């Protein structure tokens, strides 16, 4: 995998690791409003070079990835216990690794990729599974979380497969998905206007984990090895947990340290150049 692709992937992961912390600052904002405003802010990266024109199939892929993923994820977090729903959602890095041969011709899995992916998933499970999946009556939520994981993993792989659109087109994806999210807010949620204290966090979210991260991820997926990038993605729950512990009033215990070792080990193993 090229050094540039690795750096782009790590930068996207670093931005995504702030999403949970920013989300705690914005928990009063209705989910679809939050997603809609954040994605519209993320689309401003297309202003400089002009929004990339996309064929209908490519635009549909972008909306599938950005809108459908967040739709399923936020509905899952409403219907199922959030921690357990996040565990299911964190299947997407593993799915990127194992689905690569099915969606990308010429790609095959090695024992190293499989071992790295499984180590990373074990670490992610330790971080987010606090007491198992005993949600009682929340099967629909778990199903939507699994669907979200499938959507993001297949979107990531298909952007590499079609690969004939510039990264600037991601701005068009953000714009279309943001407008759809605001439409869902208008239809499904009570009216809400963010307070003055909420706008800074909303701005950071739109420009970072729900903005620049998508562009960096697109470049990484197109230029890099999706199997290695998928294992690197397990760094996201680790970094997110550390940020919450430092800035969100949480704590780092033995479980977190053990999980961190599994995640970092899996990421290193799965992204090792060769051999």
C-alpha atoms as a PDB file:
ATOM      1  CA  UNK A   1       0.000   0.000   0.000  1.00  0.00           C
ATOM      2  CA  UNK A   2       1.355   3.461  -0.895  1.00  0.00           C
ATOM      3  CA  UNK A   3       2.509   5.808   1.853  1.00  0.00           C
ATOM      4  CA  UNK A   4       0.076   8.494   0.647  1.00  0.00           C
ATOM      5  CA  UNK A   5      -2.894   6.125   0.866  1.00  0.00           C
ATOM      6  CA  UNK A   6      -1.869   5.080   4.376  1.00  0.00           C
ATOM      7  CA  UNK A   7      -1.567   8.700   5.512  1.00  0.00           C
ATOM      8  CA  UNK A   8      -4.944   9.599   3.959  1.00  0.00           C
ATOM      9  CA  UNK A   9      -6.591   6.631   5.683  1.00  0.00           C
ATOM     10  CA  UNK A  10      -5.016   7.496   9.041  1.00  0.00           C
ATOM     11  CA  UNK A  11      -6.089  11.139   8.700  1.00  0.00           C
ATOM     12  CA  UNK A  12      -9.690  10.069   7.996  1.00  0.00           C
ATOM     13  CA  UNK A  13      -9.582   7.688  10.961  1.00  0.00           C
ATOM     14  CA  UNK A  14      -8.245  10.477  13.205  1.00  0.00           C
ATOM     15  CA  UNK A  15     -11.131  12.731  12.174  1.00  0.00           C
ATOM     16  CA  UNK A  16     -13.718   9.965  12.638  1.00  0.00           C
ATOM     17  CA  UNK A  17     -12.369   9.330  16.134  1.00  0.00           C
ATOM     18  CA  UNK A  18     -13.693  12.767  17.160  1.00  0.00           C
ATOM     19  CA  UNK A  19     -17.256  11.958  16.073  1.00  0.00           C
ATOM     20  CA  UNK A  20     -18.365  10.382  19.363  1.00  0.00           C
ATOM     21  CA  UNK A  21     -16.907  13.215  21.437  1.00  0.00           C
ATOM     22  CA  UNK A  22     -18.579  15.846  19.272  1.00  0.00           C
ATOM     23  CA  UNK A  23     -21.773  13.812  19.361  1.00  0.00           C
ATOM     24  CA  UNK A  24     -21.861  14.055  23.152  1.00  0.00           C
ATOM     25  CA  UNK A  25     -21.842  17.826  22.773  1.00  0.00           C
ATOM     26  CA  UNK A  26     -24.756  17.632  20.321  1.00  0.00           C
ATOM     27  CA  UNK A  27     -26.978  14.929  21.822  1.00  0.00           C
ATOM     28  CA  UNK A  28     -29.923  17.356  22.011  1.00  0.00           C
ATOM     29  CA  UNK A  29     -29.920  17.923  18.228  1.00  0.00           C
ATOM     30  CA  UNK A  30     -32.336  15.578  16.368  1.00  0.00           C
ATOM     31  CA  UNK A  31     -30.321  12.950  14.429  1.00  0.00           C
ATOM     32  CA  UNK A  32     -31.468  13.760  10.900  1.00  0.00           C
ATOM     33  CA  UNK A  33     -31.016  17.482  11.451  1.00  0.00           C
ATOM     34  CA  UNK A  34     -27.546  16.794  12.803  1.00  0.00           C
ATOM     35  CA  UNK A  35     -26.610  14.633   9.805  1.00  0.00           C
ATOM     36  CA  UNK A  36     -28.162  17.037   7.299  1.00  0.00           C
ATOM     37  CA  UNK A  37     -26.434  20.152   8.571  1.00  0.00           C
ATOM     38  CA  UNK A  38     -23.105  18.339   9.030  1.00  0.00           C
ATOM     39  CA  UNK A  39     -23.155  16.925   5.491  1.00  0.00           C
ATOM     40  CA  UNK A  40     -24.074  20.276   3.972  1.00  0.00           C
ATOM     41  CA  UNK A  41     -21.126  21.786   5.820  1.00  0.00           C
ATOM     42  CA  UNK A  42     -18.984  18.947   4.509  1.00  0.00           C
ATOM     43  CA  UNK A  43     -19.994  19.798   0.952  1.00  0.00           C
ATOM     44  CA  UNK A  44     -18.226  23.186   1.150  1.00  0.00           C
ATOM     45  CA  UNK A  45     -15.007  21.425   0.178  1.00  0.00           C
ATOM     46  CA  UNK A  46     -16.463  21.288  -3.326  1.00  0.00           C
ATOM     47  CA  UNK A  47     -16.810  25.055  -3.619  1.00  0.00           C
ATOM     48  CA  UNK A  48     -13.194  25.684  -4.569  1.00  0.00           C
ATOM     49  CA  UNK A  49     -12.948  23.302  -7.506  1.00  0.00           C
ATOM     50  CA  UNK A  50     -16.631  23.187  -8.337  1.00  0.00           C
ATOM     51  CA  UNK A  51     -18.885  20.295  -7.434  1.00  0.00           C
ATOM     52  CA  UNK A  52     -17.851  17.242  -9.398  1.00  0.00           C
ATOM     53  CA  UNK A  53     -20.359  16.121 -11.997  1.00  0.00           C
ATOM     54  CA  UNK A  54     -21.361  12.529 -11.470  1.00  0.00           C
ATOM     55  CA  UNK A  55     -23.104   9.965 -13.602  1.00  0.00           C
ATOM     56  CA  UNK A  56     -26.468   8.934 -12.095  1.00  0.00           C
ATOM     57  CA  UNK A  57     -25.074   5.544 -11.029  1.00  0.00           C
ATOM     58  CA  UNK A  58     -22.110   7.177  -9.269  1.00  0.00           C
ATOM     59  CA  UNK A  59     -24.339   9.742  -7.561  1.00  0.00           C
ATOM     60  CA  UNK A  60     -26.623   6.939  -6.419  1.00  0.00           C
ATOM     61  CA  UNK A  61     -23.581   5.159  -4.975  1.00  0.00           C
ATOM     62  CA  UNK A  62     -22.612   8.314  -3.073  1.00  0.00           C
ATOM     63  CA  UNK A  63     -26.089   8.783  -1.606  1.00  0.00           C
ATOM     64  CA  UNK A  64     -26.179   5.076  -0.764  1.00  0.00           C
ATOM     65  CA  UNK A  65     -22.943   5.443   1.185  1.00  0.00           C
ATOM     66  CA  UNK A  66     -23.438   8.747   2.983  1.00  0.00           C
ATOM     67  CA  UNK A  67     -27.198   9.022   3.443  1.00  0.00           C
ATOM     68  CA  UNK A  68     -28.253   5.376   3.762  1.00  0.00           C
ATOM     69  CA  UNK A  69     -25.399   4.569   6.133  1.00  0.00           C
ATOM     70  CA  UNK A  70     -26.193   7.418   8.521  1.00  0.00           C
ATOM     71  CA  UNK A  71     -29.943   6.750   8.237  1.00  0.00           C
ATOM     72  CA  UNK A  72     -29.485   3.125   9.320  1.00  0.00           C
ATOM     73  CA  UNK A  73     -26.913   3.972  11.994  1.00  0.00           C
ATOM     74  CA  UNK A  74     -28.932   6.699  13.698  1.00  0.00           C
ATOM     75  CA  UNK A  75     -32.115   4.625  13.586  1.00  0.00           C
ATOM     76  CA  UNK A  76     -30.180   1.700  15.089  1.00  0.00           C
ATOM     77  CA  UNK A  77     -28.930   3.917  17.912  1.00  0.00           C
ATOM     78  CA  UNK A  78     -32.532   4.893  18.632  1.00  0.00           C
ATOM     79  CA  UNK A  79     -33.979   1.374  18.581  1.00  0.00           C
ATOM     80  CA  UNK A  80     -31.186  -0.634  20.221  1.00  0.00           C
ATOM     81  CA  UNK A  81     -28.882   0.047  23.182  1.00  0.00           C
ATOM     82  CA  UNK A  82     -26.259   2.430  21.719  1.00  0.00           C
ATOM     83  CA  UNK A  83     -23.160   0.565  22.925  1.00  0.00           C
ATOM     84  CA  UNK A  84     -24.308  -2.771  21.514  1.00  0.00           C
ATOM     85  CA  UNK A  85     -25.505  -1.122  18.288  1.00  0.00           C
ATOM     86  CA  UNK A  86     -22.041   0.388  17.889  1.00  0.00           C
ATOM     87  CA  UNK A  87     -20.505  -3.061  18.320  1.00  0.00           C
ATOM     88  CA  UNK A  88     -22.533  -4.322  15.388  1.00  0.00           C
ATOM     89  CA  UNK A  89     -21.734  -1.193  13.368  1.00  0.00           C
ATOM     90  CA  UNK A  90     -18.004  -1.791  13.882  1.00  0.00           C
ATOM     91  CA  UNK A  91     -18.287  -4.863  11.690  1.00  0.00           C
ATOM     92  CA  UNK A  92     -17.613  -2.575   8.702  1.00  0.00           C
ATOM     93  CA  UNK A  93     -13.781  -2.687   8.833  1.00  0.00           C
ATOM     94  CA  UNK A  94     -13.942  -6.494   8.971  1.00  0.00           C
ATOM     95  CA  UNK A  95     -16.418  -6.538   6.079  1.00  0.00           C
ATOM     96  CA  UNK A  96     -14.096  -4.340   3.984  1.00  0.00           C
ATOM     97  CA  UNK A  97     -11.382  -6.945   4.423  1.00  0.00           C
ATOM     98  CA  UNK A  98     -13.454 -10.069   3.812  1.00  0.00           C
ATOM     99  CA  UNK A  99     -15.616  -8.658   0.984  1.00  0.00           C
ATOM    100  CA  UNK A 100     -12.661  -7.351  -1.032  1.00  0.00           C
ATOM    101  CA  UNK A 101     -12.266 -10.533  -3.120  1.00  0.00           C
ATOM    102  CA  UNK A 102     -15.992 -10.560  -3.954  1.00  0.00           C
ATOM    103  CA  UNK A 103     -16.192  -6.919  -5.100  1.00  0.00           C
ATOM    104  CA  UNK A 104     -12.696  -6.206  -6.410  1.00  0.00           C
ATOM    105  CA  UNK A 105     -11.456  -8.530  -9.176  1.00  0.00           C
ATOM    106  CA  UNK A 106      -7.885  -9.676  -8.672  1.00  0.00           C
ATOM    107  CA  UNK A 107      -7.988  -9.235  -4.890  1.00  0.00           C
ATOM    108  CA  UNK A 108      -7.484 -12.189  -2.596  1.00  0.00           C
ATOM    109  CA  UNK A 109      -7.292 -12.650   1.143  1.00  0.00           C
ATOM    110  CA  UNK A 110      -4.194 -13.902   2.898  1.00  0.00           C
ATOM    111  CA  UNK A 111      -3.935 -15.438   6.341  1.00  0.00           C
ATOM    112  CA  UNK A 112      -2.270 -12.199   7.494  1.00  0.00           C
ATOM    113  CA  UNK A 113      -5.259 -10.075   6.416  1.00  0.00           C
ATOM    114  CA  UNK A 114      -7.745 -12.426   8.074  1.00  0.00           C
ATOM    115  CA  UNK A 115      -5.729 -12.596  11.308  1.00  0.00           C
ATOM    116  CA  UNK A 116      -5.317  -8.813  11.425  1.00  0.00           C
ATOM    117  CA  UNK A 117      -9.021  -8.240  10.812  1.00  0.00           C
ATOM    118  CA  UNK A 118     -10.059 -10.705  13.513  1.00  0.00           C
ATOM    119  CA  UNK A 119      -7.612  -9.234  16.048  1.00  0.00           C
ATOM    120  CA  UNK A 120      -8.949  -5.754  15.306  1.00  0.00           C
ATOM    121  CA  UNK A 121     -12.557  -6.857  15.648  1.00  0.00           C
ATOM    122  CA  UNK A 122     -11.804  -8.564  18.955  1.00  0.00           C
ATOM    123  CA  UNK A 123     -10.338  -5.306  20.260  1.00  0.00           C
ATOM    124  CA  UNK A 124     -13.268  -3.248  19.001  1.00  0.00           C
ATOM    125  CA  UNK A 125     -15.674  -5.693  20.641  1.00  0.00           C
ATOM    126  CA  UNK A 126     -13.911  -5.296  23.984  1.00  0.00           C
ATOM    127  CA  UNK A 127     -14.213  -1.526  23.761  1.00  0.00           C
ATOM    128  CA  UNK A 128     -17.895  -1.297  22.951  1.00  0.00           C
ATOM    129  CA  UNK A 129     -19.482  -4.502  24.297  1.00  0.00           C
ATOM    130  CA  UNK A 130     -20.296  -3.611  27.869  1.00  0.00           C
ATOM    131  CA  UNK A 131     -22.379  -6.559  29.021  1.00  0.00           C
ATOM    132  CA  UNK A 132     -23.189  -8.267  25.715  1.00  0.00           C
ATOM    133  CA  UNK A 133     -26.083  -7.914  23.316  1.00  0.00           C
ATOM    134  CA  UNK A 134     -28.919  -8.203  25.806  1.00  0.00           C
ATOM    135  CA  UNK A 135     -31.161  -5.521  24.356  1.00  0.00           C
ATOM    136  CA  UNK A 136     -34.505  -7.315  24.517  1.00  0.00           C
ATOM    137  CA  UNK A 137     -36.897  -6.328  21.750  1.00  0.00           C
ATOM    138  CA  UNK A 138     -34.271  -4.334  19.853  1.00  0.00           C
ATOM    139  CA  UNK A 139     -33.630  -6.858  17.067  1.00  0.00           C
ATOM    140  CA  UNK A 140     -34.682  -4.337  14.425  1.00  0.00           C
ATOM    141  CA  UNK A 141     -32.091  -1.915  15.766  1.00  0.00           C
ATOM    142  CA  UNK A 142     -29.377  -4.544  15.630  1.00  0.00           C
ATOM    143  CA  UNK A 143     -30.447  -5.444  12.100  1.00  0.00           C
ATOM    144  CA  UNK A 144     -30.172  -1.804  11.030  1.00  0.00           C
ATOM    145  CA  UNK A 145     -26.726  -1.525  12.626  1.00  0.00           C
ATOM    146  CA  UNK A 146     -25.598  -4.597  10.674  1.00  0.00           C
ATOM    147  CA  UNK A 147     -27.068  -3.087   7.519  1.00  0.00           C
ATOM    148  CA  UNK A 148     -25.170   0.151   8.212  1.00  0.00           C
ATOM    149  CA  UNK A 149     -21.920  -1.815   8.456  1.00  0.00           C
ATOM    150  CA  UNK A 150     -22.693  -3.575   5.175  1.00  0.00           C
ATOM    151  CA  UNK A 151     -23.533  -0.281   3.461  1.00  0.00           C
ATOM    152  CA  UNK A 152     -20.332   1.512   4.486  1.00  0.00           C
ATOM    153  CA  UNK A 153     -18.077  -1.421   3.647  1.00  0.00           C
ATOM    154  CA  UNK A 154     -19.624  -2.008   0.219  1.00  0.00           C
ATOM    155  CA  UNK A 155     -19.691   1.732  -0.535  1.00  0.00           C
ATOM    156  CA  UNK A 156     -15.992   1.969   0.305  1.00  0.00           C
ATOM    157  CA  UNK A 157     -15.117  -0.978  -1.928  1.00  0.00           C
ATOM    158  CA  UNK A 158     -17.353   0.101  -4.815  1.00  0.00           C
ATOM    159  CA  UNK A 159     -15.808   3.586  -4.921  1.00  0.00           C
ATOM    160  CA  UNK A 160     -12.509   1.839  -5.618  1.00  0.00           C
ATOM    161  CA  UNK A 161     -14.120  -0.408  -8.206  1.00  0.00           C
ATOM    162  CA  UNK A 162     -15.836   2.358 -10.204  1.00  0.00           C
ATOM    163  CA  UNK A 163     -12.956   4.716  -9.447  1.00  0.00           C
ATOM    164  CA  UNK A 164     -13.536   6.891 -12.528  1.00  0.00           C
ATOM    165  CA  UNK A 165     -14.771   9.979 -10.694  1.00  0.00           C
ATOM    166  CA  UNK A 166     -12.642  12.672  -9.043  1.00  0.00           C
ATOM    167  CA  UNK A 167     -12.587  12.921  -5.268  1.00  0.00           C
ATOM    168  CA  UNK A 168     -14.220  16.357  -5.601  1.00  0.00           C
ATOM    169  CA  UNK A 169     -17.410  14.484  -6.514  1.00  0.00           C
ATOM    170  CA  UNK A 170     -17.688  13.527  -2.835  1.00  0.00           C
ATOM    171  CA  UNK A 171     -18.899  17.118  -2.305  1.00  0.00           C
ATOM    172  CA  UNK A 172     -21.879  16.313  -4.523  1.00  0.00           C
ATOM    173  CA  UNK A 173     -22.503  13.174  -2.453  1.00  0.00           C
ATOM    174  CA  UNK A 174     -22.475  15.283   0.718  1.00  0.00           C
ATOM    175  CA  UNK A 175     -24.808  17.897  -0.767  1.00  0.00           C
ATOM    176  CA  UNK A 176     -27.387  15.385  -2.029  1.00  0.00           C
ATOM    177  CA  UNK A 177     -27.239  13.301   1.160  1.00  0.00           C
ATOM    178  CA  UNK A 178     -27.465  16.392   3.366  1.00  0.00           C
ATOM    179  CA  UNK A 179     -30.581  17.605   1.575  1.00  0.00           C
ATOM    180  CA  UNK A 180     -32.177  14.163   1.912  1.00  0.00           C
ATOM    181  CA  UNK A 181     -31.372  14.136   5.632  1.00  0.00           C
ATOM    182  CA  UNK A 182     -32.955  17.563   6.102  1.00  0.00           C
ATOM    183  CA  UNK A 183     -36.007  16.269   4.255  1.00  0.00           C
ATOM    184  CA  UNK A 184     -36.210  13.384   6.731  1.00  0.00           C
ATOM    185  CA  UNK A 185     -35.900  15.886   9.575  1.00  0.00           C
ATOM    186  CA  UNK A 186     -38.803  17.902   8.194  1.00  0.00           C
ATOM    187  CA  UNK A 187     -40.965  14.779   7.863  1.00  0.00           C
ATOM    188  CA  UNK A 188     -39.983  12.735  10.899  1.00  0.00           C
ATOM    189  CA  UNK A 189     -38.594  14.977  13.622  1.00  0.00           C
ATOM    190  CA  UNK A 190     -39.774  17.971  15.667  1.00  0.00           C
ATOM    191  CA  UNK A 191     -38.439  21.352  14.549  1.00  0.00           C
ATOM    192  CA  UNK A 192     -35.215  22.338  16.263  1.00  0.00           C
ATOM    193  CA  UNK A 193     -32.703  25.166  15.964  1.00  0.00           C
ATOM    194  CA  UNK A 194     -29.222  24.587  17.437  1.00  0.00           C
ATOM    195  CA  UNK A 195     -28.200  26.911  20.251  1.00  0.00           C
ATOM    196  CA  UNK A 196     -25.227  29.244  20.071  1.00  0.00           C
ATOM    197  CA  UNK A 197     -23.179  26.814  22.176  1.00  0.00           C
ATOM    198  CA  UNK A 198     -23.950  23.916  19.799  1.00  0.00           C
ATOM    199  CA  UNK A 199     -22.857  25.589  16.580  1.00  0.00           C
ATOM    200  CA  UNK A 200     -19.056  25.345  17.149  1.00  0.00           C
ATOM    201  CA  UNK A 201     -19.274  21.576  17.682  1.00  0.00           C
ATOM    202  CA  UNK A 202     -21.626  21.248  14.711  1.00  0.00           C
ATOM    203  CA  UNK A 203     -19.198  23.208  12.539  1.00  0.00           C
ATOM    204  CA  UNK A 204     -16.283  21.005  13.618  1.00  0.00           C
ATOM    205  CA  UNK A 205     -18.311  17.885  12.921  1.00  0.00           C
ATOM    206  CA  UNK A 206     -19.307  19.054   9.440  1.00  0.00           C
ATOM    207  CA  UNK A 207     -15.815  20.121   8.438  1.00  0.00           C
ATOM    208  CA  UNK A 208     -14.040  17.160  10.065  1.00  0.00           C
ATOM    209  CA  UNK A 209     -15.511  13.676  10.609  1.00  0.00           C
ATOM    210  CA  UNK A 210     -18.493  14.320   8.327  1.00  0.00           C
ATOM    211  CA  UNK A 211     -16.620  16.418   5.802  1.00  0.00           C
ATOM    212  CA  UNK A 212     -12.885  16.222   5.134  1.00  0.00           C
ATOM    213  CA  UNK A 213     -12.763  12.593   6.338  1.00  0.00           C
ATOM    214  CA  UNK A 214     -14.916  11.453   3.403  1.00  0.00           C
ATOM    215  CA  UNK A 215     -12.548  13.020   0.866  1.00  0.00           C
ATOM    216  CA  UNK A 216      -9.480  11.540   2.542  1.00  0.00           C
ATOM    217  CA  UNK A 217     -11.149   8.129   2.727  1.00  0.00           C
ATOM    218  CA  UNK A 218     -12.084   8.250  -0.960  1.00  0.00           C
ATOM    219  CA  UNK A 219      -8.468   8.974  -1.948  1.00  0.00           C
ATOM    220  CA  UNK A 220      -7.169   6.246   0.350  1.00  0.00           C
ATOM    221  CA  UNK A 221      -9.577   3.601  -0.964  1.00  0.00           C
ATOM    222  CA  UNK A 222      -8.771   4.400  -4.584  1.00  0.00           C
ATOM    223  CA  UNK A 223      -4.993   4.406  -4.153  1.00  0.00           C
ATOM    224  CA  UNK A 224      -4.500   1.819  -1.418  1.00  0.00           C
ATOM    225  CA  UNK A 225      -5.095  -1.824  -0.564  1.00  0.00           C
ATOM    226  CA  UNK A 226      -8.641  -2.093   0.864  1.00  0.00           C
ATOM    227  CA  UNK A 227      -7.689  -5.127   2.954  1.00  0.00           C
ATOM    228  CA  UNK A 228      -4.971  -3.175   4.734  1.00  0.00           C
ATOM    229  CA  UNK A 229      -7.102  -0.030   5.029  1.00  0.00           C
ATOM    230  CA  UNK A 230      -9.915  -2.089   6.535  1.00  0.00           C
ATOM    231  CA  UNK A 231      -7.655  -3.334   9.314  1.00  0.00           C
ATOM    232  CA  UNK A 232      -6.282   0.173   9.953  1.00  0.00           C
ATOM    233  CA  UNK A 233      -9.889   1.322  10.459  1.00  0.00           C
ATOM    234  CA  UNK A 234     -10.007  -0.571  13.746  1.00  0.00           C
ATOM    235  CA  UNK A 235      -7.953   2.263  15.201  1.00  0.00           C
ATOM    236  CA  UNK A 236     -11.158   4.362  15.109  1.00  0.00           C
ATOM    237  CA  UNK A 237     -12.899   2.918  18.200  1.00  0.00           C
ATOM    238  CA  UNK A 238      -9.615   2.943  20.128  1.00  0.00           C
ATOM    239  CA  UNK A 239      -8.873   6.612  19.364  1.00  0.00           C
ATOM    240  CA  UNK A 240     -12.503   7.535  19.993  1.00  0.00           C
ATOM    241  CA  UNK A 241     -12.434   5.882  23.412  1.00  0.00           C
ATOM    242  CA  UNK A 242      -9.205   7.647  24.378  1.00  0.00           C
ATOM    243  CA  UNK A 243     -10.613  11.047  23.375  1.00  0.00           C
ATOM    244  CA  UNK A 244     -13.781  10.418  25.359  1.00  0.00           C
ATOM    245  CA  UNK A 245     -11.711   9.386  28.381  1.00  0.00           C
ATOM    246  CA  UNK A 246      -9.498  12.474  28.202  1.00  0.00           C
ATOM    247  CA  UNK A 247     -12.068  15.123  27.245  1.00  0.00           C
ATOM    248  CA  UNK A 248     -15.426  13.500  27.952  1.00  0.00           C
ATOM    249  CA  UNK A 249     -15.061  12.473  31.577  1.00  0.00           C
ATOM    250  CA  UNK A 250     -14.441   8.768  30.977  1.00  0.00           C
ATOM    251  CA  UNK A 251     -11.567   6.600  32.161  1.00  0.00           C
ATOM    252  CA  UNK A 252      -9.001   4.210  30.683  1.00  0.00           C
ATOM    253  CA  UNK A 253      -9.079   0.803  32.355  1.00  0.00           C
ATOM    254  CA  UNK A 254      -7.406  -2.560  31.851  1.00  0.00           C
ATOM    255  CA  UNK A 255     -10.005  -3.607  29.293  1.00  0.00           C
ATOM    256  CA  UNK A 256      -9.285  -0.537  27.171  1.00  0.00           C
ATOM    257  CA  UNK A 257      -5.532  -1.164  27.307  1.00  0.00           C
ATOM    258  CA  UNK A 258      -5.959  -4.821  26.305  1.00  0.00           C
ATOM    259  CA  UNK A 259      -8.332  -3.828  23.510  1.00  0.00           C
ATOM    260  CA  UNK A 260      -5.885  -1.182  22.350  1.00  0.00           C
ATOM    261  CA  UNK A 261      -3.147  -3.788  22.076  1.00  0.00           C
ATOM    262  CA  UNK A 262      -5.379  -6.048  19.986  1.00  0.00           C
ATOM    263  CA  UNK A 263      -6.449  -3.188  17.716  1.00  0.00           C
ATOM    264  CA  UNK A 264      -2.974  -1.807  17.125  1.00  0.00           C
ATOM    265  CA  UNK A 265      -1.567  -5.317  16.640  1.00  0.00           C
ATOM    266  CA  UNK A 266      -4.281  -6.185  14.161  1.00  0.00           C
ATOM    267  CA  UNK A 267      -3.826  -2.939  12.252  1.00  0.00           C
ATOM    268  CA  UNK A 268      -0.063  -3.434  12.006  1.00  0.00           C
ATOM    269  CA  UNK A 269      -0.419  -7.086  10.977  1.00  0.00           C
ATOM    270  CA  UNK A 270      -3.090  -6.391   8.356  1.00  0.00           C
ATOM    271  CA  UNK A 271      -1.366  -3.375   6.817  1.00  0.00           C
ATOM    272  CA  UNK A 272       2.184  -4.799   6.761  1.00  0.00           C
ATOM    273  CA  UNK A 273       3.520  -4.351   3.191  1.00  0.00           C
ATOM    274  CA  UNK A 274       4.324  -7.948   2.287  1.00  0.00           C
ATOM    275  CA  UNK A 275       5.221 -11.305   3.651  1.00  0.00           C
END
